[in-house]
Amino acid sequence: MKKNVGELGLKFFLKIFEIAPLTQKLFSFLKDSKVPLDKNPKLKSHAMTFFYFLFLFFMVVYSSPLPPNGLLKMTIYKI
């Protein structure tokens, strides 16, 4: 899960947009973008951050140990 959190997040958002295309309007960075959704770097970054924090939430809820600090810093700074 940790290794492919970005890919899972992107697939999640692409599926949402497939089911409910109007939800794209909720994302200002997609408004005037000519880049295909699956290639959009801002969507990829958002998806990774969203899914990573969702992952952290479930780790805390289920009392699993937190990931190494380096992974958290990587997500926060979007490196």
Protein backbone atom coordinates (compact mmCIF):
# COMPACT_ATOMS: atom_id res chain seq x y z
CA MET A 1 0.00 0.00 0.00
CA LYS A 2 2.68 2.53 0.98
CA LYS A 3 4.64 2.05 -2.22
CA ASN A 4 1.76 2.65 -4.61
CA VAL A 5 -0.32 5.14 -2.65
CA GLY A 6 -0.03 7.70 -5.47
CA GLU A 7 -1.27 5.28 -8.11
CA LEU A 8 -4.16 4.13 -5.93
CA GLY A 9 -5.12 7.72 -5.20
CA LEU A 10 -5.08 8.64 -8.87
CA LYS A 11 -7.19 5.60 -9.78
CA PHE A 12 -9.63 6.56 -7.03
CA PHE A 13 -10.12 10.09 -8.38
CA LEU A 14 -10.30 8.91 -12.00
CA LYS A 15 -13.06 6.50 -11.02
CA ILE A 16 -14.95 9.26 -9.22
CA PHE A 17 -14.66 11.49 -12.30
CA GLU A 18 -15.83 8.62 -14.50
CA ILE A 19 -18.90 8.00 -12.34
CA ALA A 20 -19.68 11.67 -11.66
CA PRO A 21 -17.93 13.94 -14.20
CA LEU A 22 -19.34 17.10 -12.63
CA THR A 23 -17.16 16.52 -9.55
CA GLN A 24 -14.20 17.77 -11.60
CA LYS A 25 -15.59 21.28 -11.14
CA LEU A 26 -14.83 21.01 -7.43
CA PHE A 27 -11.11 21.11 -8.21
CA SER A 28 -9.94 24.57 -9.26
CA PHE A 29 -6.68 23.22 -10.67
CA LEU A 30 -8.63 21.13 -13.20
CA LYS A 31 -10.82 23.99 -14.35
CA ASP A 32 -8.87 25.20 -17.40
CA SER A 33 -6.39 22.36 -17.70
CA LYS A 34 -5.73 20.93 -21.15
CA VAL A 35 -3.74 18.04 -19.68
CA PRO A 36 -5.53 14.66 -19.60
CA LEU A 37 -6.62 13.75 -16.08
CA ASP A 38 -4.38 10.70 -15.83
CA LYS A 39 -1.34 12.85 -16.74
CA ASN A 40 -2.21 15.95 -14.71
CA PRO A 41 0.63 16.53 -12.20
CA LYS A 42 -1.56 18.57 -9.84
CA LEU A 43 -4.18 15.83 -9.71
CA LYS A 44 -1.47 13.22 -9.14
CA SER A 45 -0.02 15.26 -6.30
CA HIS A 46 -3.43 15.83 -4.74
CA ALA A 47 -4.33 12.16 -5.08
CA MET A 48 -1.10 11.05 -3.44
CA THR A 49 -1.50 13.49 -0.55
CA PHE A 50 -5.16 12.61 -0.05
CA PHE A 51 -4.57 8.87 -0.09
CA TYR A 52 -1.50 9.13 2.11
CA PHE A 53 -3.42 10.99 4.80
CA LEU A 54 -6.28 8.54 4.43
CA PHE A 55 -3.71 5.79 4.91
CA LEU A 56 -2.37 7.55 8.04
CA PHE A 57 -5.88 7.89 9.39
CA PHE A 58 -6.52 4.16 9.11
CA MET A 59 -3.14 3.36 10.61
CA VAL A 60 -4.01 5.45 13.65
CA VAL A 61 -7.52 4.03 13.89
CA TYR A 62 -6.21 0.48 13.79
CA SER A 63 -3.23 1.31 16.06
CA SER A 64 -0.56 0.31 13.57
CA PRO A 65 2.86 1.92 13.87
CA LEU A 66 3.28 5.14 11.90
CA PRO A 67 5.48 5.16 8.78
CA PRO A 68 9.02 6.53 8.89
CA ASN A 69 9.38 10.31 9.11
CA GLY A 70 11.02 10.45 5.70
CA LEU A 71 7.83 9.25 4.03
CA LEU A 72 5.78 11.87 5.85
CA LYS A 73 8.22 14.64 4.87
CA MET A 74 8.19 13.45 1.26
CA THR A 75 4.41 13.76 1.16
CA ILE A 76 4.26 17.14 2.86
CA TYR A 77 6.87 18.66 0.56
CA LYS A 78 5.61 16.72 -2.50
CA ILE A 79 9.08 15.51 -3.42
